[in-house]
PDB file of N, CA and C in Angstrom:
ATOM      1  N   MET A   1       0.824  -1.157   0.000  1.00  0.00           N
ATOM      2  CA  MET A   1       0.000   0.000   0.000  1.00  0.00           C
ATOM      3  C   MET A   1       0.890   1.250   0.000  1.00  0.00           C
ATOM      4  N   ARG A   2       0.474   2.254  -0.775  1.00  0.00           N
ATOM      5  CA  ARG A   2       1.255   3.472  -0.929  1.00  0.00           C
ATOM      6  C   ARG A   2       0.932   4.459   0.189  1.00  0.00           C
ATOM      7  N   ALA A   3       1.970   5.095   0.719  1.00  0.00           N
ATOM      8  CA  ALA A   3       1.776   6.069   1.794  1.00  0.00           C
ATOM      9  C   ALA A   3       1.221   7.362   1.211  1.00  0.00           C
ATOM     10  N   LYS A   4       0.402   8.058   1.997  1.00  0.00           N
ATOM     11  CA  LYS A   4      -0.152   9.332   1.548  1.00  0.00           C
ATOM     12  C   LYS A   4       0.915  10.410   1.652  1.00  0.00           C
ATOM     13  N   GLY A   5       0.872  11.358   0.692  1.00  0.00           N
ATOM     14  CA  GLY A   5       1.832  12.444   0.711  1.00  0.00           C
ATOM     15  C   GLY A   5       2.552  12.546  -0.623  1.00  0.00           C
ATOM     16  N   LEU A   6       3.462  13.482  -0.704  1.00  0.00           N
ATOM     17  CA  LEU A   6       4.200  13.746  -1.937  1.00  0.00           C
ATOM     18  C   LEU A   6       5.578  13.120  -1.857  1.00  0.00           C
ATOM     19  N   THR A   7       6.026  12.624  -2.993  1.00  0.00           N
ATOM     20  CA  THR A   7       7.376  12.076  -3.045  1.00  0.00           C
ATOM     21  C   THR A   7       8.366  13.205  -3.256  1.00  0.00           C
ATOM     22  N   LEU A   8       9.604  12.925  -3.036  1.00  0.00           N
ATOM     23  CA  LEU A   8      10.660  13.922  -3.226  1.00  0.00           C
ATOM     24  C   LEU A   8      10.697  14.404  -4.671  1.00  0.00           C
ATOM     25  N   LEU A   9      10.496  13.513  -5.620  1.00  0.00           N
ATOM     26  CA  LEU A   9      10.498  13.876  -7.037  1.00  0.00           C
ATOM     27  C   LEU A   9       9.379  14.863  -7.346  1.00  0.00           C
ATOM     28  N   GLU A  10       8.204  14.654  -6.829  1.00  0.00           N
ATOM     29  CA  GLU A  10       7.084  15.567  -7.067  1.00  0.00           C
ATOM     30  C   GLU A  10       7.364  16.950  -6.478  1.00  0.00           C
ATOM     31  N   VAL A  11       7.961  16.990  -5.319  1.00  0.00           N
ATOM     32  CA  VAL A  11       8.294  18.271  -4.688  1.00  0.00           C
ATOM     33  C   VAL A  11       9.342  19.013  -5.512  1.00  0.00           C
ATOM     34  N   VAL A  12      10.363  18.321  -5.979  1.00  0.00           N
ATOM     35  CA  VAL A  12      11.418  18.948  -6.789  1.00  0.00           C
ATOM     36  C   VAL A  12      10.835  19.475  -8.095  1.00  0.00           C
ATOM     37  N   LEU A  13       9.972  18.702  -8.743  1.00  0.00           N
ATOM     38  CA  LEU A  13       9.342  19.161  -9.990  1.00  0.00           C
ATOM     39  C   LEU A  13       8.459  20.382  -9.747  1.00  0.00           C
ATOM     40  N   ALA A  14       7.705  20.386  -8.685  1.00  0.00           N
ATOM     41  CA  ALA A  14       6.853  21.536  -8.369  1.00  0.00           C
ATOM     42  C   ALA A  14       7.698  22.781  -8.108  1.00  0.00           C
ATOM     43  N   LEU A  15       8.804  22.617  -7.390  1.00  0.00           N
ATOM     44  CA  LEU A  15       9.697  23.758  -7.143  1.00  0.00           C
ATOM     45  C   LEU A  15      10.341  24.249  -8.437  1.00  0.00           C
ATOM     46  N   GLY A  16      10.666  23.333  -9.335  1.00  0.00           N
ATOM     47  CA  GLY A  16      11.236  23.722 -10.629  1.00  0.00           C
ATOM     48  C   GLY A  16      10.252  24.531 -11.454  1.00  0.00           C
ATOM     49  N   VAL A  17       9.002  24.093 -11.515  1.00  0.00           N
ATOM     50  CA  VAL A  17       7.968  24.840 -12.244  1.00  0.00           C
ATOM     51  C   VAL A  17       7.768  26.209 -11.610  1.00  0.00           C
ATOM     52  N   LEU A  18       7.724  26.262 -10.292  1.00  0.00           N
ATOM     53  CA  LEU A  18       7.571  27.533  -9.590  1.00  0.00           C
ATOM     54  C   LEU A  18       8.740  28.471  -9.893  1.00  0.00           C
ATOM     55  N   ALA A  19       9.951  27.950  -9.942  1.00  0.00           N
ATOM     56  CA  ALA A  19      11.132  28.768 -10.242  1.00  0.00           C
ATOM     57  C   ALA A  19      11.052  29.342 -11.651  1.00  0.00           C
ATOM     58  N   VAL A  20      10.626  28.543 -12.620  1.00  0.00           N
ATOM     59  CA  VAL A  20      10.501  29.027 -14.003  1.00  0.00           C
ATOM     60  C   VAL A  20       9.464  30.143 -14.084  1.00  0.00           C
ATOM     61  N   VAL A  21       8.339  29.970 -13.425  1.00  0.00           N
ATOM     62  CA  VAL A  21       7.289  30.994 -13.432  1.00  0.00           C
ATOM     63  C   VAL A  21       7.794  32.279 -12.770  1.00  0.00           C
ATOM     64  N   LEU A  22       8.485  32.170 -11.654  1.00  0.00           N
ATOM     65  CA  LEU A  22       9.017  33.357 -10.977  1.00  0.00           C
ATOM     66  C   LEU A  22      10.055  34.077 -11.832  1.00  0.00           C
ATOM     67  N   LEU A  23      10.897  33.336 -12.528  1.00  0.00           N
ATOM     68  CA  LEU A  23      11.876  33.966 -13.425  1.00  0.00           C
ATOM     69  C   LEU A  23      11.186  34.699 -14.567  1.00  0.00           C
ATOM     70  N   ALA A  24      10.130  34.125 -15.092  1.00  0.00           N
ATOM     71  CA  ALA A  24       9.387  34.789 -16.169  1.00  0.00           C
ATOM     72  C   ALA A  24       8.782  36.099 -15.668  1.00  0.00           C
ATOM     73  N   PHE A  25       8.186  36.078 -14.487  1.00  0.00           N
ATOM     74  CA  PHE A  25       7.610  37.300 -13.933  1.00  0.00           C
ATOM     75  C   PHE A  25       8.682  38.338 -13.612  1.00  0.00           C
ATOM     76  N   THR A  26       9.844  37.903 -13.181  1.00  0.00           N
ATOM     77  CA  THR A  26      10.944  38.830 -12.918  1.00  0.00           C
ATOM     78  C   THR A  26      11.388  39.503 -14.209  1.00  0.00           C
ATOM     79  N   GLY A  27      11.487  38.731 -15.284  1.00  0.00           N
ATOM     80  CA  GLY A  27      11.841  39.307 -16.582  1.00  0.00           C
ATOM     81  C   GLY A  27      10.817  40.325 -17.048  1.00  0.00           C
ATOM     82  N   LEU A  28       9.544  40.033 -16.851  1.00  0.00           N
ATOM     83  CA  LEU A  28       8.496  40.989 -17.212  1.00  0.00           C
ATOM     84  C   LEU A  28       8.603  42.267 -16.390  1.00  0.00           C
ATOM     85  N   GLN A  29       8.921  42.135 -15.126  1.00  0.00           N
ATOM     86  CA  GLN A  29       9.047  43.304 -14.259  1.00  0.00           C
ATOM     87  C   GLN A  29      10.219  44.186 -14.702  1.00  0.00           C
ATOM     88  N   VAL A  30      11.339  43.579 -15.031  1.00  0.00           N
ATOM     89  CA  VAL A  30      12.506  44.342 -15.493  1.00  0.00           C
ATOM     90  C   VAL A  30      12.174  45.072 -16.791  1.00  0.00           C
ATOM     91  N   THR A  31      11.524  44.392 -17.721  1.00  0.00           N
ATOM     92  CA  THR A  31      11.127  45.021 -18.986  1.00  0.00           C
ATOM     93  C   THR A  31      10.170  46.178 -18.731  1.00  0.00           C
ATOM     94  N   SER A  32       9.252  46.004 -17.831  1.00  0.00           N
ATOM     95  CA  SER A  32       8.299  47.059 -17.492  1.00  0.00           C
ATOM     96  C   SER A  32       9.007  48.276 -16.895  1.00  0.00           C
ATOM     97  N   LEU A  33       9.968  48.059 -16.028  1.00  0.00           N
ATOM     98  CA  LEU A  33      10.716  49.174 -15.438  1.00  0.00           C
ATOM     99  C   LEU A  33      11.518  49.928 -16.489  1.00  0.00           C
ATOM    100  N   ARG A  34      12.131  49.201 -17.420  1.00  0.00           N
ATOM    101  CA  ARG A  34      12.885  49.859 -18.496  1.00  0.00           C
ATOM    102  C   ARG A  34      11.962  50.685 -19.384  1.00  0.00           C
ATOM    103  N   ALA A  35      10.810  50.136 -19.728  1.00  0.00           N
ATOM    104  CA  ALA A  35       9.863  50.861 -20.573  1.00  0.00           C
ATOM    105  C   ALA A  35       9.358  52.113 -19.867  1.00  0.00           C
ATOM    106  N   GLY A  36       9.102  52.021 -18.580  1.00  0.00           N
ATOM    107  CA  GLY A  36       8.665  53.187 -17.822  1.00  0.00           C
ATOM    108  C   GLY A  36       9.721  54.271 -17.791  1.00  0.00           C
ATOM    109  N   SER A  37      10.967  53.883 -17.614  1.00  0.00           N
ATOM    110  CA  SER A  37      12.068  54.844 -17.604  1.00  0.00           C
ATOM    111  C   SER A  37      12.221  55.509 -18.967  1.00  0.00           C
ATOM    112  N   SER A  38      12.143  54.717 -20.018  1.00  0.00           N
ATOM    113  CA  SER A  38      12.241  55.259 -21.374  1.00  0.00           C
ATOM    114  C   SER A  38      11.089  56.219 -21.658  1.00  0.00           C
ATOM    115  N   GLY A  39       9.902  55.873 -21.206  1.00  0.00           N
ATOM    116  CA  GLY A  39       8.744  56.744 -21.389  1.00  0.00           C
ATOM    117  C   GLY A  39       8.902  58.067 -20.666  1.00  0.00           C
ATOM    118  N   ARG A  40       9.450  58.022 -19.453  1.00  0.00           N
ATOM    119  CA  ARG A  40       9.683  59.263 -18.715  1.00  0.00           C
ATOM    120  C   ARG A  40      10.702  60.148 -19.425  1.00  0.00           C
ATOM    121  N   LEU A  41      11.768  59.549 -19.968  1.00  0.00           N
ATOM    122  CA  LEU A  41      12.766  60.332 -20.705  1.00  0.00           C
ATOM    123  C   LEU A  41      12.158  60.966 -21.945  1.00  0.00           C
ATOM    124  N   THR A  42      11.358  60.203 -22.673  1.00  0.00           N
ATOM    125  CA  THR A  42      10.715  60.734 -23.874  1.00  0.00           C
ATOM    126  C   THR A  42       9.754  61.854 -23.514  1.00  0.00           C
ATOM    127  N   GLN A  43       8.968  61.663 -22.481  1.00  0.00           N
ATOM    128  CA  GLN A  43       8.024  62.687 -22.049  1.00  0.00           C
ATOM    129  C   GLN A  43       8.755  63.967 -21.641  1.00  0.00           C
ATOM    130  N   LYS A  44       9.864  63.827 -20.940  1.00  0.00           N
ATOM    131  CA  LYS A  44      10.643  64.998 -20.530  1.00  0.00           C
ATOM    132  C   LYS A  44      11.195  65.726 -21.751  1.00  0.00           C
ATOM    133  N   ALA A  45      11.718  64.969 -22.724  1.00  0.00           N
ATOM    134  CA  ALA A  45      12.276  65.587 -23.926  1.00  0.00           C
ATOM    135  C   ALA A  45      11.199  66.316 -24.717  1.00  0.00           C
ATOM    136  N   VAL A  46      10.039  65.710 -24.866  1.00  0.00           N
ATOM    137  CA  VAL A  46       8.942  66.358 -25.603  1.00  0.00           C
ATOM    138  C   VAL A  46       8.498  67.621 -24.877  1.00  0.00           C
ATOM    139  N   ARG A  47       8.367  67.554 -23.560  1.00  0.00           N
ATOM    140  CA  ARG A  47       7.947  68.723 -22.785  1.00  0.00           C
ATOM    141  C   ARG A  47       8.960  69.861 -22.926  1.00  0.00           C
ATOM    142  N   GLU A  48      10.251  69.547 -22.820  1.00  0.00           N
ATOM    143  CA  GLU A  48      11.285  70.578 -22.966  1.00  0.00           C
ATOM    144  C   GLU A  48      11.276  71.173 -24.376  1.00  0.00           C
ATOM    145  N   ALA A  49      11.131  70.321 -25.393  1.00  0.00           N
ATOM    146  CA  ALA A  49      11.109  70.801 -26.776  1.00  0.00           C
ATOM    147  C   ALA A  49       9.885  71.680 -27.026  1.00  0.00           C
ATOM    148  N   GLU A  50       8.721  71.268 -26.528  1.00  0.00           N
ATOM    149  CA  GLU A  50       7.516  72.083 -26.701  1.00  0.00           C
ATOM    150  C   GLU A  50       7.648  73.419 -25.982  1.00  0.00           C
ATOM    151  N   ASN A  51       8.230  73.424 -24.798  1.00  0.00           N
ATOM    152  CA  ASN A  51       8.445  74.682 -24.075  1.00  0.00           C
ATOM    153  C   ASN A  51       9.395  75.597 -24.840  1.00  0.00           C
ATOM    154  N   PHE A  52      10.438  75.017 -25.430  1.00  0.00           N
ATOM    155  CA  PHE A  52      11.385  75.813 -26.211  1.00  0.00           C
ATOM    156  C   PHE A  52      10.686  76.443 -27.416  1.00  0.00           C
ATOM    157  N   LEU A  53       9.917  75.642 -28.156  1.00  0.00           N
ATOM    158  CA  LEU A  53       9.220  76.173 -29.332  1.00  0.00           C
ATOM    159  C   LEU A  53       8.181  77.214 -28.930  1.00  0.00           C
ATOM    160  N   GLU A  54       7.503  77.004 -27.827  1.00  0.00           N
ATOM    161  CA  GLU A  54       6.523  77.985 -27.354  1.00  0.00           C
ATOM    162  C   GLU A  54       7.211  79.295 -26.990  1.00  0.00           C
ATOM    163  N   SER A  55       8.395  79.226 -26.399  1.00  0.00           N
ATOM    164  CA  SER A  55       9.118  80.460 -26.070  1.00  0.00           C
ATOM    165  C   SER A  55       9.544  81.199 -27.336  1.00  0.00           C
ATOM    166  N   LEU A  56       9.849  80.458 -28.405  1.00  0.00           N
ATOM    167  CA  LEU A  56      10.167  81.118 -29.677  1.00  0.00           C
ATOM    168  C   LEU A  56       8.927  81.781 -30.271  1.00  0.00           C
ATOM    169  N   ARG A  57       7.766  81.125 -30.142  1.00  0.00           N
ATOM    170  CA  ARG A  57       6.534  81.716 -30.678  1.00  0.00           C
ATOM    171  C   ARG A  57       6.146  82.974 -29.912  1.00  0.00           C
ATOM    172  N   THR A  58       6.373  83.003 -28.600  1.00  0.00           N
ATOM    173  CA  THR A  58       6.004  84.183 -27.820  1.00  0.00           C
ATOM    174  C   THR A  58       7.023  85.307 -27.962  1.00  0.00           C
ATOM    175  N   ASN A  59       8.248  84.979 -28.342  1.00  0.00           N
ATOM    176  CA  ASN A  59       9.286  85.995 -28.519  1.00  0.00           C
ATOM    177  C   ASN A  59      10.017  85.730 -29.838  1.00  0.00           C
ATOM    178  N   PRO A  60       9.376  86.045 -30.975  1.00  0.00           N
ATOM    179  CA  PRO A  60       9.988  85.713 -32.268  1.00  0.00           C
ATOM    180  C   PRO A  60      11.275  86.483 -32.556  1.00  0.00           C
ATOM    181  N   GLY A  61      11.498  87.592 -31.873  1.00  0.00           N
ATOM    182  CA  GLY A  61      12.730  88.341 -32.084  1.00  0.00           C
ATOM    183  C   GLY A  61      13.970  87.588 -31.623  1.00  0.00           C
ATOM    184  N   SER A  62      13.788  86.616 -30.736  1.00  0.00           N
ATOM    185  CA  SER A  62      14.928  85.849 -30.230  1.00  0.00           C
ATOM    186  C   SER A  62      15.279  84.656 -31.118  1.00  0.00           C
ATOM    187  N   LEU A  63      14.555  84.475 -32.209  1.00  0.00           N
ATOM    188  CA  LEU A  63      14.761  83.305 -33.067  1.00  0.00           C
ATOM    189  C   LEU A  63      16.202  83.167 -33.557  1.00  0.00           C
ATOM    190  N   PRO A  64      16.821  84.202 -34.138  1.00  0.00           N
ATOM    191  CA  PRO A  64      18.194  84.007 -34.638  1.00  0.00           C
ATOM    192  C   PRO A  64      19.214  83.680 -33.548  1.00  0.00           C
ATOM    193  N   SER A  65      19.023  84.206 -32.354  1.00  0.00           N
ATOM    194  CA  SER A  65      20.013  83.966 -31.298  1.00  0.00           C
ATOM    195  C   SER A  65      19.765  82.667 -30.528  1.00  0.00           C
ATOM    196  N   ARG A  66      18.546  82.127 -30.568  1.00  0.00           N
ATOM    197  CA  ARG A  66      18.234  80.924 -29.790  1.00  0.00           C
ATOM    198  C   ARG A  66      18.115  79.666 -30.632  1.00  0.00           C
ATOM    199  N   CYS A  67      17.729  79.798 -31.886  1.00  0.00           N
ATOM    200  CA  CYS A  67      17.572  78.625 -32.756  1.00  0.00           C
ATOM    201  C   CYS A  67      18.913  78.364 -33.439  1.00  0.00           C
ATOM    202  N   LEU A  68      19.741  77.553 -32.797  1.00  0.00           N
ATOM    203  CA  LEU A  68      21.110  77.309 -33.240  1.00  0.00           C
ATOM    204  C   LEU A  68      21.262  75.888 -33.775  1.00  0.00           C
ATOM    205  N   PRO A  69      22.240  75.657 -34.660  1.00  0.00           N
ATOM    206  CA  PRO A  69      22.446  74.307 -35.204  1.00  0.00           C
ATOM    207  C   PRO A  69      22.814  73.272 -34.146  1.00  0.00           C
ATOM    208  N   SER A  70      23.365  73.719 -33.020  1.00  0.00           N
ATOM    209  CA  SER A  70      23.716  72.788 -31.948  1.00  0.00           C
ATOM    210  C   SER A  70      23.623  73.525 -30.617  1.00  0.00           C
ATOM    211  N   PHE A  71      22.813  73.003 -29.708  1.00  0.00           N
ATOM    212  CA  PHE A  71      22.693  73.587 -28.378  1.00  0.00           C
ATOM    213  C   PHE A  71      22.180  72.516 -27.421  1.00  0.00           C
ATOM    214  N   THR A  72      22.151  72.861 -26.143  1.00  0.00           N
ATOM    215  CA  THR A  72      21.690  71.920 -25.125  1.00  0.00           C
ATOM    216  C   THR A  72      20.303  72.323 -24.670  1.00  0.00           C
ATOM    217  N   LEU A  73      19.391  71.383 -24.756  1.00  0.00           N
ATOM    218  CA  LEU A  73      18.010  71.585 -24.329  1.00  0.00           C
ATOM    219  C   LEU A  73      17.819  70.774 -23.056  1.00  0.00           C
ATOM    220  N   SER A  74      17.775  71.467 -21.929  1.00  0.00           N
ATOM    221  CA  SER A  74      17.800  70.808 -20.620  1.00  0.00           C
ATOM    222  C   SER A  74      19.111  70.036 -20.545  1.00  0.00           C
ATOM    223  N   ASP A  75      19.102  68.721 -20.529  1.00  0.00           N
ATOM    224  CA  ASP A  75      20.351  67.959 -20.530  1.00  0.00           C
ATOM    225  C   ASP A  75      20.500  67.133 -21.802  1.00  0.00           C
ATOM    226  N   LEU A  76      19.745  67.490 -22.851  1.00  0.00           N
ATOM    227  CA  LEU A  76      19.792  66.772 -24.126  1.00  0.00           C
ATOM    228  C   LEU A  76      20.416  67.652 -25.195  1.00  0.00           C
ATOM    229  N   SER A  77      21.180  67.047 -26.091  1.00  0.00           N
ATOM    230  CA  SER A  77      21.694  67.812 -27.220  1.00  0.00           C
ATOM    231  C   SER A  77      20.570  67.960 -28.239  1.00  0.00           C
ATOM    232  N   ALA A  78      20.507  69.129 -28.862  1.00  0.00           N
ATOM    233  CA  ALA A  78      19.435  69.415 -29.813  1.00  0.00           C
ATOM    234  C   ALA A  78      19.987  70.246 -30.956  1.00  0.00           C
ATOM    235  N   ALA A  79      19.224  70.296 -32.042  1.00  0.00           N
ATOM    236  CA  ALA A  79      19.571  71.108 -33.207  1.00  0.00           C
ATOM    237  C   ALA A  79      18.313  71.827 -33.668  1.00  0.00           C
ATOM    238  N   CYS A  80      18.470  73.090 -33.976  1.00  0.00           N
ATOM    239  CA  CYS A  80      17.338  73.907 -34.407  1.00  0.00           C
ATOM    240  C   CYS A  80      17.680  74.538 -35.752  1.00  0.00           C
ATOM    241  N   ALA A  81      16.716  74.575 -36.644  1.00  0.00           N
ATOM    242  CA  ALA A  81      16.893  75.221 -37.944  1.00  0.00           C
ATOM    243  C   ALA A  81      15.608  75.970 -38.274  1.00  0.00           C
ATOM    244  N   TYR A  82      15.744  77.059 -39.012  1.00  0.00           N
ATOM    245  CA  TYR A  82      14.545  77.796 -39.407  1.00  0.00           C
ATOM    246  C   TYR A  82      14.705  78.305 -40.831  1.00  0.00           C
ATOM    247  N   GLN A  83      13.567  78.430 -41.506  1.00  0.00           N
ATOM    248  CA  GLN A  83      13.519  78.944 -42.869  1.00  0.00           C
ATOM    249  C   GLN A  83      12.542  80.106 -42.915  1.00  0.00           C
ATOM    250  N   PRO A  84      12.888  81.168 -43.633  1.00  0.00           N
ATOM    251  CA  PRO A  84      11.938  82.268 -43.778  1.00  0.00           C
ATOM    252  C   PRO A  84      10.772  81.848 -44.678  1.00  0.00           C
ATOM    253  N   CYS A  85       9.591  82.355 -44.358  1.00  0.00           N
ATOM    254  CA  CYS A  85       8.385  82.029 -45.122  1.00  0.00           C
ATOM    255  C   CYS A  85       7.599  83.307 -45.392  1.00  0.00           C
ATOM    256  N   ARG A  86       6.781  83.246 -46.431  1.00  0.00           N
ATOM    257  CA  ARG A  86       5.839  84.332 -46.697  1.00  0.00           C
ATOM    258  C   ARG A  86       4.501  83.715 -47.058  1.00  0.00           C
ATOM    259  N   ALA A  87       3.457  84.452 -46.751  1.00  0.00           N
ATOM    260  CA  ALA A  87       2.114  83.965 -47.048  1.00  0.00           C
ATOM    261  C   ALA A  87       1.806  84.202 -48.521  1.00  0.00           C
ATOM    262  N   ASP A  88       1.270  83.174 -49.166  1.00  0.00           N
ATOM    263  CA  ASP A  88       0.763  83.339 -50.527  1.00  0.00           C
ATOM    264  C   ASP A  88      -0.710  82.929 -50.514  1.00  0.00           C
ATOM    265  N   GLY A  89      -1.310  82.771 -51.649  1.00  0.00           N
ATOM    266  CA  GLY A  89      -2.742  82.487 -51.720  1.00  0.00           C
ATOM    267  C   GLY A  89      -3.161  81.166 -51.119  1.00  0.00           C
ATOM    268  N   THR A  90      -2.262  80.187 -51.073  1.00  0.00           N
ATOM    269  CA  THR A  90      -2.648  78.854 -50.601  1.00  0.00           C
ATOM    270  C   THR A  90      -2.023  78.468 -49.265  1.00  0.00           C
ATOM    271  N   GLY A  91      -1.133  79.245 -48.742  1.00  0.00           N
ATOM    272  CA  GLY A  91      -0.487  78.888 -47.481  1.00  0.00           C
ATOM    273  C   GLY A  91       0.816  79.633 -47.314  1.00  0.00           C
ATOM    274  N   LEU A  92       1.815  78.939 -46.834  1.00  0.00           N
ATOM    275  CA  LEU A  92       3.132  79.525 -46.631  1.00  0.00           C
ATOM    276  C   LEU A  92       4.111  78.967 -47.650  1.00  0.00           C
ATOM    277  N   ALA A  93       4.879  79.852 -48.249  1.00  0.00           N
ATOM    278  CA  ALA A  93       5.976  79.443 -49.125  1.00  0.00           C
ATOM    279  C   ALA A  93       7.261  79.708 -48.358  1.00  0.00           C
ATOM    280  N   CYS A  94       8.029  78.650 -48.125  1.00  0.00           N
ATOM    281  CA  CYS A  94       9.235  78.767 -47.309  1.00  0.00           C
ATOM    282  C   CYS A  94      10.465  78.423 -48.138  1.00  0.00           C
ATOM    283  N   GLY A  95      11.558  79.077 -47.839  1.00  0.00           N
ATOM    284  CA  GLY A  95      12.812  78.778 -48.505  1.00  0.00           C
ATOM    285  C   GLY A  95      13.796  79.906 -48.330  1.00  0.00           C
ATOM    286  N   PRO A  96      15.043  79.666 -48.704  1.00  0.00           N
ATOM    287  CA  PRO A  96      16.069  80.690 -48.519  1.00  0.00           C
ATOM    288  C   PRO A  96      15.896  81.897 -49.436  1.00  0.00           C
ATOM    289  N   SER A  97      15.109  81.758 -50.498  1.00  0.00           N
ATOM    290  CA  SER A  97      14.935  82.872 -51.432  1.00  0.00           C
ATOM    291  C   SER A  97      13.848  83.850 -50.998  1.00  0.00           C
ATOM    292  N   VAL A  98      13.167  83.578 -49.905  1.00  0.00           N
ATOM    293  CA  VAL A  98      12.089  84.451 -49.436  1.00  0.00           C
ATOM    294  C   VAL A  98      12.689  85.723 -48.852  1.00  0.00           C
ATOM    295  N   THR A  99      12.222  86.854 -49.363  1.00  0.00           N
ATOM    296  CA  THR A  99      12.633  88.147 -48.809  1.00  0.00           C
ATOM    297  C   THR A  99      11.454  88.712 -48.025  1.00  0.00           C
ATOM    298  N   GLN A 100      11.722  89.496 -47.046  1.00  0.00           N
ATOM    299  CA  GLN A 100      10.722  90.071 -46.153  1.00  0.00           C
ATOM    300  C   GLN A 100       9.763  88.997 -45.637  1.00  0.00           C
ATOM    301  N   PRO A 101      10.270  88.093 -44.830  1.00  0.00           N
ATOM    302  CA  PRO A 101       9.425  86.996 -44.342  1.00  0.00           C
ATOM    303  C   PRO A 101       8.336  87.486 -43.385  1.00  0.00           C
ATOM    304  N   THR A 102       7.196  86.824 -43.453  1.00  0.00           N
ATOM    305  CA  THR A 102       6.109  87.090 -42.508  1.00  0.00           C
ATOM    306  C   THR A 102       6.061  86.023 -41.416  1.00  0.00           C
ATOM    307  N   ALA A 103       6.815  84.942 -41.628  1.00  0.00           N
ATOM    308  CA  ALA A 103       6.854  83.852 -40.649  1.00  0.00           C
ATOM    309  C   ALA A 103       8.128  83.044 -40.871  1.00  0.00           C
ATOM    310  N   TYR A 104       8.390  82.131 -39.951  1.00  0.00           N
ATOM    311  CA  TYR A 104       9.534  81.221 -40.056  1.00  0.00           C
ATOM    312  C   TYR A 104       9.057  79.804 -39.736  1.00  0.00           C
ATOM    313  N   ARG A 105       9.520  78.849 -40.529  1.00  0.00           N
ATOM    314  CA  ARG A 105       9.258  77.443 -40.217  1.00  0.00           C
ATOM    315  C   ARG A 105      10.441  76.946 -39.392  1.00  0.00           C
ATOM    316  N   VAL A 106      10.161  76.526 -38.183  1.00  0.00           N
ATOM    317  CA  VAL A 106      11.204  76.118 -37.244  1.00  0.00           C
ATOM    318  C   VAL A 106      11.136  74.603 -37.066  1.00  0.00           C
ATOM    319  N   THR A 107      12.293  73.953 -37.199  1.00  0.00           N
ATOM    320  CA  THR A 107      12.405  72.512 -36.980  1.00  0.00           C
ATOM    321  C   THR A 107      13.382  72.280 -35.839  1.00  0.00           C
ATOM    322  N   LEU A 108      12.920  71.556 -34.835  1.00  0.00           N
ATOM    323  CA  LEU A 108      13.752  71.229 -33.678  1.00  0.00           C
ATOM    324  C   LEU A 108      13.958  69.725 -33.660  1.00  0.00           C
ATOM    325  N   ARG A 109      15.221  69.298 -33.637  1.00  0.00           N
ATOM    326  CA  ARG A 109      15.549  67.872 -33.611  1.00  0.00           C
ATOM    327  C   ARG A 109      16.333  67.550 -32.342  1.00  0.00           C
ATOM    328  N   VAL A 110      15.938  66.453 -31.728  1.00  0.00           N
ATOM    329  CA  VAL A 110      16.693  65.886 -30.610  1.00  0.00           C
ATOM    330  C   VAL A 110      17.176  64.530 -31.100  1.00  0.00           C
ATOM    331  N   PRO A 111      18.456  64.439 -31.502  1.00  0.00           N
ATOM    332  CA  PRO A 111      18.951  63.172 -32.050  1.00  0.00           C
ATOM    333  C   PRO A 111      19.210  62.154 -30.951  1.00  0.00           C
ATOM    334  N   GLY A 112      19.495  60.953 -31.358  1.00  0.00           N
ATOM    335  CA  GLY A 112      19.808  59.896 -30.403  1.00  0.00           C
ATOM    336  C   GLY A 112      18.801  58.771 -30.479  1.00  0.00           C
ATOM    337  N   ASP A 113      19.090  57.724 -29.745  1.00  0.00           N
ATOM    338  CA  ASP A 113      18.200  56.569 -29.754  1.00  0.00           C
ATOM    339  C   ASP A 113      17.057  56.716 -28.762  1.00  0.00           C
ATOM    340  N   THR A 114      17.350  57.242 -27.599  1.00  0.00           N
ATOM    341  CA  THR A 114      16.304  57.379 -26.591  1.00  0.00           C
ATOM    342  C   THR A 114      16.415  58.733 -25.953  1.00  0.00           C
ATOM    343  N   PRO A 115      15.571  59.638 -26.158  1.00  0.00           N
ATOM    344  CA  PRO A 115      14.521  59.651 -27.163  1.00  0.00           C
ATOM    345  C   PRO A 115      15.000  60.364 -28.413  1.00  0.00           C
ATOM    346  N   ARG A 116      14.445  60.038 -29.526  1.00  0.00           N
ATOM    347  CA  ARG A 116      14.712  60.740 -30.776  1.00  0.00           C
ATOM    348  C   ARG A 116      13.403  61.392 -31.190  1.00  0.00           C
ATOM    349  N   LEU A 117      13.439  62.708 -31.417  1.00  0.00           N
ATOM    350  CA  LEU A 117      12.201  63.362 -31.818  1.00  0.00           C
ATOM    351  C   LEU A 117      12.492  64.547 -32.710  1.00  0.00           C
ATOM    352  N   THR A 118      11.502  64.895 -33.514  1.00  0.00           N
ATOM    353  CA  THR A 118      11.550  66.054 -34.396  1.00  0.00           C
ATOM    354  C   THR A 118      10.221  66.780 -34.271  1.00  0.00           C
ATOM    355  N   LEU A 119      10.285  68.064 -33.950  1.00  0.00           N
ATOM    356  CA  LEU A 119       9.084  68.888 -33.840  1.00  0.00           C
ATOM    357  C   LEU A 119       9.219  70.070 -34.778  1.00  0.00           C
ATOM    358  N   GLU A 120       8.108  70.464 -35.384  1.00  0.00           N
ATOM    359  CA  GLU A 120       8.088  71.626 -36.267  1.00  0.00           C
ATOM    360  C   GLU A 120       6.972  72.562 -35.837  1.00  0.00           C
ATOM    361  N   THR A 121       7.206  73.848 -36.075  1.00  0.00           N
ATOM    362  CA  THR A 121       6.188  74.852 -35.788  1.00  0.00           C
ATOM    363  C   THR A 121       6.402  76.041 -36.711  1.00  0.00           C
ATOM    364  N   VAL A 122       5.451  76.945 -36.709  1.00  0.00           N
ATOM    365  CA  VAL A 122       5.559  78.191 -37.462  1.00  0.00           C
ATOM    366  C   VAL A 122       5.608  79.326 -36.452  1.00  0.00           C
ATOM    367  N   VAL A 123       6.596  80.189 -36.620  1.00  0.00           N
ATOM    368  CA  VAL A 123       6.746  81.366 -35.771  1.00  0.00           C
ATOM    369  C   VAL A 123       6.479  82.573 -36.648  1.00  0.00           C
ATOM    370  N   TYR A 124       5.455  83.333 -36.304  1.00  0.00           N
ATOM    371  CA  TYR A 124       5.106  84.505 -37.103  1.00  0.00           C
ATOM    372  C   TYR A 124       5.984  85.678 -36.719  1.00  0.00           C
ATOM    373  N   ALA A 125       6.487  86.371 -37.728  1.00  0.00           N
ATOM    374  CA  ALA A 125       7.378  87.511 -37.507  1.00  0.00           C
ATOM    375  C   ALA A 125       6.560  88.691 -36.993  1.00  0.00           C
ATOM    376  N   PRO A 126       7.156  89.493 -36.136  1.00  0.00           N
ATOM    377  CA  PRO A 126       6.422  90.656 -35.594  1.00  0.00           C
ATOM    378  C   PRO A 126       6.217  91.734 -36.633  1.00  0.00           C
TER     379      PRO A 126
END
């Protein structure tokens, strides 16, 4: 007659299955923490870039001195470029040949892998 209870083999197998499940959950937790950190960095970069572009829109006279090919935006390297534009019948015509611009098309780039973003806006000349 067989004794009631679990054999050593059954206990070892159950512990092995439990260990595999716990390792899988640990891997998911690590991935989740990395994604959260990456999301926070991206959100910070977007917020800083939007604030920078908004400051250019509120003070368009500062465009030539602040929109530089290379500068630091908070703690991120960034690049800013702008093109003069004028209003025509269908919208804005932008390019280096525009004289007496009524607006500027501003492109802000934050290069890199995390985060990489490009934002564009129109800054109307005073």
